[in-house]
Amino acid sequence: MAESEAPLARIMAIVERLRDPVHGCDWDRVQTFATIAPYTVEEAYEVADAIARDDIMALKDELGDLLFQVVLHSRIAAQQDLFDLGDVATAIADKMERRHPHLFGDADARPDWEALKAAERKDATSALDGVAIALPALMRAEKLQKRAARTGFDWPDADGPRAKIDEELTEVSEAADADARAEEIGDLLFAVVNYARHLGVDPETALRGANAKFERRFRAIETAPGFAGLSLDAKEELWQAAKAAQRD
């Protein structure tokens, strides 16, 4: 057994024992694809968080947690005679070779990545098929827009999406009730994503950056003496000072 295979065989054995119908862990053995899916998503975000914080040791730990999720899903599938971890590994290996024929096949040039993926969706009934519902809303909006754009359904430049933002802002202001207002806010966010896409900005990354910036600045001002009782103007002064200091 190769050195890299021994740890993988170990975690597979651990999960098999956890899932033992009689002697396994009370929690692990009753889990299903659906019940552990939220944990899988959470672990993927924790991997991204470790990368964003440039915490390499945390990244190692979080990748391990994510790997556990893959092994656990695969074990559940194996117990239902659906597939196993080997099938999962084979499927992704086949896909990577198929999508890189210039490296693993006889193609002379790098193929168009999106064209290859589109070919794999040959049985799709819509250009939007395969865009995962569980994606973060901003990310999914961008992917839906990109798929639609491949069919020619897109603005020719950024002016259209920019004007759409103004239109949606007006419709938010004119909304008759809370339900209508929520719908128009959704349309506004979708328009902002479209504008970001046309400017070459990843909206999910941009909002993550804005969240982090807000958190840094708020943490810097909330420790001011009597912060909660200060007037809004006084809090704004602290905010502007923190903003300037962090820029410096």
C-alpha atoms as a PDB file:
ATOM      1  CA  MET A   1       0.000   0.000   0.000  1.00  0.00           C
ATOM      2  CA  ALA A   2       1.339   3.432  -0.949  1.00  0.00           C
ATOM      3  CA  GLU A   3       2.189   5.764   1.935  1.00  0.00           C
ATOM      4  CA  SER A   4      -0.659   8.116   0.961  1.00  0.00           C
ATOM      5  CA  GLU A   5      -3.168   5.266   0.882  1.00  0.00           C
ATOM      6  CA  ALA A   6      -2.698   4.159   4.503  1.00  0.00           C
ATOM      7  CA  PRO A   7      -4.368   7.225   6.132  1.00  0.00           C
ATOM      8  CA  LEU A   8      -7.229   7.002   3.652  1.00  0.00           C
ATOM      9  CA  ALA A   9      -7.733   3.307   4.422  1.00  0.00           C
ATOM     10  CA  ARG A  10      -7.731   4.222   8.115  1.00  0.00           C
ATOM     11  CA  ILE A  11     -10.477   6.851   7.829  1.00  0.00           C
ATOM     12  CA  MET A  12     -12.511   4.504   5.645  1.00  0.00           C
ATOM     13  CA  ALA A  13     -12.246   1.830   8.349  1.00  0.00           C
ATOM     14  CA  ILE A  14     -13.220   4.354  11.033  1.00  0.00           C
ATOM     15  CA  VAL A  15     -16.319   5.454   9.114  1.00  0.00           C
ATOM     16  CA  GLU A  16     -17.265   1.842   8.432  1.00  0.00           C
ATOM     17  CA  ARG A  17     -17.157   1.166  12.162  1.00  0.00           C
ATOM     18  CA  LEU A  18     -19.096   4.352  12.975  1.00  0.00           C
ATOM     19  CA  ARG A  19     -21.797   3.254  10.537  1.00  0.00           C
ATOM     20  CA  ASP A  20     -22.023  -0.323  11.800  1.00  0.00           C
ATOM     21  CA  PRO A  21     -25.792  -0.962  12.141  1.00  0.00           C
ATOM     22  CA  VAL A  22     -25.403  -2.758  15.480  1.00  0.00           C
ATOM     23  CA  HIS A  23     -22.222  -1.568  17.167  1.00  0.00           C
ATOM     24  CA  GLY A  24     -21.697   1.802  15.489  1.00  0.00           C
ATOM     25  CA  CYS A  25     -22.024   5.328  16.841  1.00  0.00           C
ATOM     26  CA  ASP A  26     -25.628   6.150  17.725  1.00  0.00           C
ATOM     27  CA  TRP A  27     -25.411   9.439  15.806  1.00  0.00           C
ATOM     28  CA  ASP A  28     -23.388   8.404  12.734  1.00  0.00           C
ATOM     29  CA  ARG A  29     -25.229   5.188  11.963  1.00  0.00           C
ATOM     30  CA  VAL A  30     -28.627   6.898  11.565  1.00  0.00           C
ATOM     31  CA  GLN A  31     -27.464   9.716   9.291  1.00  0.00           C
ATOM     32  CA  THR A  32     -28.630  10.016   5.684  1.00  0.00           C
ATOM     33  CA  PHE A  33     -27.442  12.003   2.665  1.00  0.00           C
ATOM     34  CA  ALA A  34     -29.998  14.683   3.519  1.00  0.00           C
ATOM     35  CA  THR A  35     -29.221  14.976   7.230  1.00  0.00           C
ATOM     36  CA  ILE A  36     -25.478  15.418   6.750  1.00  0.00           C
ATOM     37  CA  ALA A  37     -25.692  17.652   3.658  1.00  0.00           C
ATOM     38  CA  PRO A  38     -25.770  20.849   5.800  1.00  0.00           C
ATOM     39  CA  TYR A  39     -22.584  19.726   7.564  1.00  0.00           C
ATOM     40  CA  THR A  40     -20.925  19.101   4.199  1.00  0.00           C
ATOM     41  CA  VAL A  41     -21.738  22.641   3.086  1.00  0.00           C
ATOM     42  CA  GLU A  42     -20.569  24.030   6.432  1.00  0.00           C
ATOM     43  CA  GLU A  43     -17.235  22.228   6.183  1.00  0.00           C
ATOM     44  CA  ALA A  44     -16.669  23.583   2.668  1.00  0.00           C
ATOM     45  CA  TYR A  45     -17.207  27.104   3.999  1.00  0.00           C
ATOM     46  CA  GLU A  46     -14.800  26.468   6.851  1.00  0.00           C
ATOM     47  CA  VAL A  47     -12.166  25.436   4.313  1.00  0.00           C
ATOM     48  CA  ALA A  48     -12.745  28.730   2.490  1.00  0.00           C
ATOM     49  CA  ASP A  49     -12.571  30.621   5.802  1.00  0.00           C
ATOM     50  CA  ALA A  50      -9.209  29.076   6.694  1.00  0.00           C
ATOM     51  CA  ILE A  51      -7.873  30.093   3.289  1.00  0.00           C
ATOM     52  CA  ALA A  52      -9.206  33.630   3.693  1.00  0.00           C
ATOM     53  CA  ARG A  53      -7.468  33.870   7.086  1.00  0.00           C
ATOM     54  CA  ASP A  54      -4.276  32.377   5.612  1.00  0.00           C
ATOM     55  CA  ASP A  55      -4.290  29.843   8.453  1.00  0.00           C
ATOM     56  CA  ILE A  56      -2.507  26.842   6.972  1.00  0.00           C
ATOM     57  CA  MET A  57      -2.839  24.594  10.015  1.00  0.00           C
ATOM     58  CA  ALA A  58      -6.557  25.319  10.178  1.00  0.00           C
ATOM     59  CA  LEU A  59      -6.776  24.587   6.458  1.00  0.00           C
ATOM     60  CA  LYS A  60      -5.279  21.151   7.052  1.00  0.00           C
ATOM     61  CA  ASP A  61      -7.839  20.439   9.777  1.00  0.00           C
ATOM     62  CA  GLU A  62     -10.779  21.757   7.760  1.00  0.00           C
ATOM     63  CA  LEU A  63      -9.781  19.756   4.687  1.00  0.00           C
ATOM     64  CA  GLY A  64      -9.787  16.714   6.937  1.00  0.00           C
ATOM     65  CA  ASP A  65     -13.293  17.542   8.122  1.00  0.00           C
ATOM     66  CA  LEU A  66     -14.407  17.932   4.504  1.00  0.00           C
ATOM     67  CA  LEU A  67     -12.767  14.641   3.546  1.00  0.00           C
ATOM     68  CA  PHE A  68     -14.662  12.947   6.365  1.00  0.00           C
ATOM     69  CA  GLN A  69     -17.882  14.201   4.806  1.00  0.00           C
ATOM     70  CA  VAL A  70     -16.939  12.656   1.443  1.00  0.00           C
ATOM     71  CA  VAL A  71     -16.067   9.350   3.054  1.00  0.00           C
ATOM     72  CA  LEU A  72     -19.268   9.364   5.127  1.00  0.00           C
ATOM     73  CA  HIS A  73     -21.485  10.077   2.107  1.00  0.00           C
ATOM     74  CA  SER A  74     -19.689   7.320   0.198  1.00  0.00           C
ATOM     75  CA  ARG A  75     -20.188   4.845   3.039  1.00  0.00           C
ATOM     76  CA  ILE A  76     -23.906   5.603   3.220  1.00  0.00           C
ATOM     77  CA  ALA A  77     -24.098   4.986  -0.530  1.00  0.00           C
ATOM     78  CA  ALA A  78     -22.135   1.741  -0.259  1.00  0.00           C
ATOM     79  CA  GLN A  79     -24.511   0.439   2.403  1.00  0.00           C
ATOM     80  CA  GLN A  80     -27.337   0.995  -0.090  1.00  0.00           C
ATOM     81  CA  ASP A  81     -25.387  -0.709  -2.901  1.00  0.00           C
ATOM     82  CA  LEU A  82     -25.281   2.550  -4.864  1.00  0.00           C
ATOM     83  CA  PHE A  83     -21.554   3.357  -5.100  1.00  0.00           C
ATOM     84  CA  ASP A  84     -18.483   3.516  -2.882  1.00  0.00           C
ATOM     85  CA  LEU A  85     -15.483   5.792  -2.336  1.00  0.00           C
ATOM     86  CA  GLY A  86     -13.578   4.048  -5.098  1.00  0.00           C
ATOM     87  CA  ASP A  87     -16.377   4.862  -7.535  1.00  0.00           C
ATOM     88  CA  VAL A  88     -16.286   8.506  -6.413  1.00  0.00           C
ATOM     89  CA  ALA A  89     -12.535   8.707  -6.969  1.00  0.00           C
ATOM     90  CA  THR A  90     -12.826   6.987 -10.351  1.00  0.00           C
ATOM     91  CA  ALA A  91     -15.590   9.334 -11.473  1.00  0.00           C
ATOM     92  CA  ILE A  92     -13.607  12.484 -10.694  1.00  0.00           C
ATOM     93  CA  ALA A  93     -10.421  11.052 -12.213  1.00  0.00           C
ATOM     94  CA  ASP A  94     -12.314  10.201 -15.412  1.00  0.00           C
ATOM     95  CA  LYS A  95     -13.838  13.685 -15.494  1.00  0.00           C
ATOM     96  CA  MET A  96     -10.503  15.457 -15.072  1.00  0.00           C
ATOM     97  CA  GLU A  97      -8.913  13.396 -17.830  1.00  0.00           C
ATOM     98  CA  ARG A  98     -11.896  14.009 -20.082  1.00  0.00           C
ATOM     99  CA  ARG A  99     -11.744  17.760 -19.472  1.00  0.00           C
ATOM    100  CA  HIS A 100      -7.991  17.925 -20.123  1.00  0.00           C
ATOM    101  CA  PRO A 101      -7.561  16.001 -23.393  1.00  0.00           C
ATOM    102  CA  HIS A 102      -4.510  18.132 -24.235  1.00  0.00           C
ATOM    103  CA  LEU A 103      -2.759  16.628 -21.190  1.00  0.00           C
ATOM    104  CA  PHE A 104      -4.228  13.123 -20.961  1.00  0.00           C
ATOM    105  CA  GLY A 105      -5.403  12.540 -24.533  1.00  0.00           C
ATOM    106  CA  ASP A 106      -4.314  13.343 -28.047  1.00  0.00           C
ATOM    107  CA  ALA A 107      -5.721  16.873 -28.372  1.00  0.00           C
ATOM    108  CA  ASP A 108      -3.184  19.448 -29.561  1.00  0.00           C
ATOM    109  CA  ALA A 109      -4.632  22.495 -27.808  1.00  0.00           C
ATOM    110  CA  ARG A 110      -6.444  23.300 -24.588  1.00  0.00           C
ATOM    111  CA  PRO A 111     -10.187  22.888 -25.236  1.00  0.00           C
ATOM    112  CA  ASP A 112     -12.854  25.372 -24.238  1.00  0.00           C
ATOM    113  CA  TRP A 113     -13.695  24.465 -20.617  1.00  0.00           C
ATOM    114  CA  GLU A 114     -17.280  25.635 -20.759  1.00  0.00           C
ATOM    115  CA  ALA A 115     -17.874  23.823 -24.055  1.00  0.00           C
ATOM    116  CA  LEU A 116     -16.630  20.600 -22.491  1.00  0.00           C
ATOM    117  CA  LYS A 117     -18.931  20.990 -19.503  1.00  0.00           C
ATOM    118  CA  ALA A 118     -21.839  21.830 -21.789  1.00  0.00           C
ATOM    119  CA  ALA A 119     -21.190  18.642 -23.760  1.00  0.00           C
ATOM    120  CA  GLU A 120     -21.408  16.665 -20.517  1.00  0.00           C
ATOM    121  CA  ARG A 121     -24.870  18.149 -20.004  1.00  0.00           C
ATOM    122  CA  LYS A 122     -26.115  16.810 -23.370  1.00  0.00           C
ATOM    123  CA  ASP A 123     -29.248  15.385 -21.730  1.00  0.00           C
ATOM    124  CA  ALA A 124     -30.182  18.717 -20.136  1.00  0.00           C
ATOM    125  CA  THR A 125     -33.551  20.229 -21.032  1.00  0.00           C
ATOM    126  CA  SER A 126     -32.520  23.790 -20.135  1.00  0.00           C
ATOM    127  CA  ALA A 127     -29.364  25.887 -20.256  1.00  0.00           C
ATOM    128  CA  LEU A 128     -29.894  26.394 -16.530  1.00  0.00           C
ATOM    129  CA  ASP A 129     -29.858  22.684 -15.636  1.00  0.00           C
ATOM    130  CA  GLY A 130     -27.184  21.681 -13.148  1.00  0.00           C
ATOM    131  CA  VAL A 131     -26.865  24.989 -11.292  1.00  0.00           C
ATOM    132  CA  ALA A 132     -27.043  23.716  -7.723  1.00  0.00           C
ATOM    133  CA  ILE A 133     -29.921  25.078  -5.659  1.00  0.00           C
ATOM    134  CA  ALA A 134     -27.834  24.900  -2.479  1.00  0.00           C
ATOM    135  CA  LEU A 135     -25.265  27.415  -3.726  1.00  0.00           C
ATOM    136  CA  PRO A 136     -25.103  30.772  -1.927  1.00  0.00           C
ATOM    137  CA  ALA A 137     -27.715  33.022  -3.501  1.00  0.00           C
ATOM    138  CA  LEU A 138     -25.248  35.538  -4.961  1.00  0.00           C
ATOM    139  CA  MET A 139     -23.111  32.791  -6.460  1.00  0.00           C
ATOM    140  CA  ARG A 140     -26.135  30.990  -7.892  1.00  0.00           C
ATOM    141  CA  ALA A 141     -27.476  34.227  -9.391  1.00  0.00           C
ATOM    142  CA  GLU A 142     -24.179  34.773 -11.184  1.00  0.00           C
ATOM    143  CA  LYS A 143     -24.094  31.205 -12.495  1.00  0.00           C
ATOM    144  CA  LEU A 144     -27.673  31.433 -13.743  1.00  0.00           C
ATOM    145  CA  GLN A 145     -26.846  34.673 -15.524  1.00  0.00           C
ATOM    146  CA  LYS A 146     -23.730  33.191 -17.114  1.00  0.00           C
ATOM    147  CA  ARG A 147     -25.681  30.178 -18.359  1.00  0.00           C
ATOM    148  CA  ALA A 148     -28.356  32.427 -19.842  1.00  0.00           C
ATOM    149  CA  ALA A 149     -25.685  34.638 -21.412  1.00  0.00           C
ATOM    150  CA  ARG A 150     -24.326  31.672 -23.384  1.00  0.00           C
ATOM    151  CA  THR A 151     -27.638  31.556 -25.236  1.00  0.00           C
ATOM    152  CA  GLY A 152     -27.342  35.253 -26.121  1.00  0.00           C
ATOM    153  CA  PHE A 153     -29.731  36.406 -23.408  1.00  0.00           C
ATOM    154  CA  ASP A 154     -27.533  39.139 -21.946  1.00  0.00           C
ATOM    155  CA  TRP A 155     -26.829  42.852 -21.978  1.00  0.00           C
ATOM    156  CA  PRO A 156     -24.142  43.875 -24.503  1.00  0.00           C
ATOM    157  CA  ASP A 157     -22.295  45.944 -21.897  1.00  0.00           C
ATOM    158  CA  ALA A 158     -22.501  47.159 -18.277  1.00  0.00           C
ATOM    159  CA  ASP A 159     -24.823  50.074 -19.063  1.00  0.00           C
ATOM    160  CA  GLY A 160     -27.924  47.868 -19.178  1.00  0.00           C
ATOM    161  CA  PRO A 161     -27.385  46.234 -15.771  1.00  0.00           C
ATOM    162  CA  ARG A 162     -26.501  49.622 -14.264  1.00  0.00           C
ATOM    163  CA  ALA A 163     -29.756  51.143 -15.501  1.00  0.00           C
ATOM    164  CA  LYS A 164     -31.623  48.096 -14.215  1.00  0.00           C
ATOM    165  CA  ILE A 165     -30.383  48.845 -10.695  1.00  0.00           C
ATOM    166  CA  ASP A 166     -31.976  52.296 -10.817  1.00  0.00           C
ATOM    167  CA  GLU A 167     -35.198  50.752 -12.134  1.00  0.00           C
ATOM    168  CA  GLU A 168     -35.288  48.161  -9.357  1.00  0.00           C
ATOM    169  CA  LEU A 169     -34.565  50.786  -6.680  1.00  0.00           C
ATOM    170  CA  THR A 170     -37.607  52.721  -7.874  1.00  0.00           C
ATOM    171  CA  GLU A 171     -39.737  49.585  -7.740  1.00  0.00           C
ATOM    172  CA  VAL A 172     -38.583  48.905  -4.165  1.00  0.00           C
ATOM    173  CA  SER A 173     -39.693  52.420  -3.184  1.00  0.00           C
ATOM    174  CA  GLU A 174     -43.052  51.930  -4.874  1.00  0.00           C
ATOM    175  CA  ALA A 175     -43.749  48.459  -3.436  1.00  0.00           C
ATOM    176  CA  ALA A 176     -47.262  48.284  -1.984  1.00  0.00           C
ATOM    177  CA  ASP A 177     -46.601  45.926   0.922  1.00  0.00           C
ATOM    178  CA  ALA A 178     -43.950  43.858   2.671  1.00  0.00           C
ATOM    179  CA  ASP A 179     -44.242  40.889   0.297  1.00  0.00           C
ATOM    180  CA  ALA A 180     -43.891  43.090  -2.768  1.00  0.00           C
ATOM    181  CA  ARG A 181     -40.978  44.921  -1.150  1.00  0.00           C
ATOM    182  CA  ALA A 182     -39.164  41.642  -0.463  1.00  0.00           C
ATOM    183  CA  GLU A 183     -39.673  40.559  -4.071  1.00  0.00           C
ATOM    184  CA  GLU A 184     -38.328  43.860  -5.396  1.00  0.00           C
ATOM    185  CA  ILE A 185     -35.316  43.709  -3.072  1.00  0.00           C
ATOM    186  CA  GLY A 186     -34.590  40.281  -4.571  1.00  0.00           C
ATOM    187  CA  ASP A 187     -34.791  41.763  -8.067  1.00  0.00           C
ATOM    188  CA  LEU A 188     -32.471  44.570  -6.969  1.00  0.00           C
ATOM    189  CA  LEU A 189     -29.873  42.134  -5.628  1.00  0.00           C
ATOM    190  CA  PHE A 190     -30.109  40.095  -8.834  1.00  0.00           C
ATOM    191  CA  ALA A 191     -29.501  43.283 -10.838  1.00  0.00           C
ATOM    192  CA  VAL A 192     -26.458  44.146  -8.699  1.00  0.00           C
ATOM    193  CA  VAL A 193     -25.033  40.683  -9.342  1.00  0.00           C
ATOM    194  CA  ASN A 194     -25.567  41.208 -13.067  1.00  0.00           C
ATOM    195  CA  TYR A 195     -23.792  44.573 -12.924  1.00  0.00           C
ATOM    196  CA  ALA A 196     -20.881  43.053 -10.994  1.00  0.00           C
ATOM    197  CA  ARG A 197     -20.601  40.261 -13.560  1.00  0.00           C
ATOM    198  CA  HIS A 198     -20.366  42.759 -16.402  1.00  0.00           C
ATOM    199  CA  LEU A 199     -17.642  44.630 -14.512  1.00  0.00           C
ATOM    200  CA  GLY A 200     -15.683  41.415 -14.010  1.00  0.00           C
ATOM    201  CA  VAL A 201     -16.250  41.410 -10.244  1.00  0.00           C
ATOM    202  CA  ASP A 202     -17.137  38.200  -8.403  1.00  0.00           C
ATOM    203  CA  PRO A 203     -20.107  39.299  -6.256  1.00  0.00           C
ATOM    204  CA  GLU A 204     -19.703  36.584  -3.617  1.00  0.00           C
ATOM    205  CA  THR A 205     -16.045  37.500  -3.072  1.00  0.00           C
ATOM    206  CA  ALA A 206     -16.859  41.207  -3.098  1.00  0.00           C
ATOM    207  CA  LEU A 207     -19.548  40.813  -0.430  1.00  0.00           C
ATOM    208  CA  ARG A 208     -17.281  38.634   1.691  1.00  0.00           C
ATOM    209  CA  GLY A 209     -14.713  41.419   1.533  1.00  0.00           C
ATOM    210  CA  ALA A 210     -17.310  44.006   2.502  1.00  0.00           C
ATOM    211  CA  ASN A 211     -18.428  41.839   5.431  1.00  0.00           C
ATOM    212  CA  ALA A 212     -14.849  41.493   6.653  1.00  0.00           C
ATOM    213  CA  LYS A 213     -14.241  45.239   6.292  1.00  0.00           C
ATOM    214  CA  PHE A 214     -17.396  46.092   8.227  1.00  0.00           C
ATOM    215  CA  GLU A 215     -16.461  43.644  10.968  1.00  0.00           C
ATOM    216  CA  ARG A 216     -12.955  45.103  11.348  1.00  0.00           C
ATOM    217  CA  ARG A 217     -14.254  48.664  11.558  1.00  0.00           C
ATOM    218  CA  PHE A 218     -17.143  47.919  13.894  1.00  0.00           C
ATOM    219  CA  ARG A 219     -14.918  45.953  16.262  1.00  0.00           C
ATOM    220  CA  ALA A 220     -12.604  48.956  16.330  1.00  0.00           C
ATOM    221  CA  ILE A 221     -15.344  51.400  17.388  1.00  0.00           C
ATOM    222  CA  GLU A 222     -17.588  49.324  19.675  1.00  0.00           C
ATOM    223  CA  THR A 223     -15.003  49.412  22.472  1.00  0.00           C
ATOM    224  CA  ALA A 224     -15.281  53.197  22.785  1.00  0.00           C
ATOM    225  CA  PRO A 225     -16.478  54.224  26.277  1.00  0.00           C
ATOM    226  CA  GLY A 226     -20.264  54.384  26.414  1.00  0.00           C
ATOM    227  CA  PHE A 227     -20.557  53.361  22.773  1.00  0.00           C
ATOM    228  CA  ALA A 228     -24.145  52.120  22.990  1.00  0.00           C
ATOM    229  CA  GLY A 229     -25.339  55.434  24.420  1.00  0.00           C
ATOM    230  CA  LEU A 230     -23.555  57.670  21.913  1.00  0.00           C
ATOM    231  CA  SER A 231     -25.533  59.591  19.334  1.00  0.00           C
ATOM    232  CA  LEU A 232     -25.529  58.371  15.744  1.00  0.00           C
ATOM    233  CA  ASP A 233     -23.402  61.369  14.752  1.00  0.00           C
ATOM    234  CA  ALA A 234     -20.815  60.483  17.399  1.00  0.00           C
ATOM    235  CA  LYS A 235     -20.763  56.872  16.241  1.00  0.00           C
ATOM    236  CA  GLU A 236     -20.319  58.060  12.657  1.00  0.00           C
ATOM    237  CA  GLU A 237     -17.295  60.110  13.732  1.00  0.00           C
ATOM    238  CA  LEU A 238     -15.767  57.017  15.320  1.00  0.00           C
ATOM    239  CA  TRP A 239     -16.568  55.040  12.170  1.00  0.00           C
ATOM    240  CA  GLN A 240     -14.849  57.563   9.915  1.00  0.00           C
ATOM    241  CA  ALA A 241     -11.819  57.622  12.213  1.00  0.00           C
ATOM    242  CA  ALA A 242     -11.584  53.824  12.176  1.00  0.00           C
ATOM    243  CA  LYS A 243     -12.011  53.853   8.399  1.00  0.00           C
ATOM    244  CA  ALA A 244      -9.161  56.326   7.976  1.00  0.00           C
ATOM    245  CA  ALA A 245      -6.932  54.463  10.430  1.00  0.00           C
ATOM    246  CA  GLN A 246      -7.413  51.128   8.729  1.00  0.00           C
ATOM    247  CA  ARG A 247      -6.761  52.650   5.323  1.00  0.00           C
ATOM    248  CA  ASP A 248      -3.479  54.066   6.675  1.00  0.00           C
END
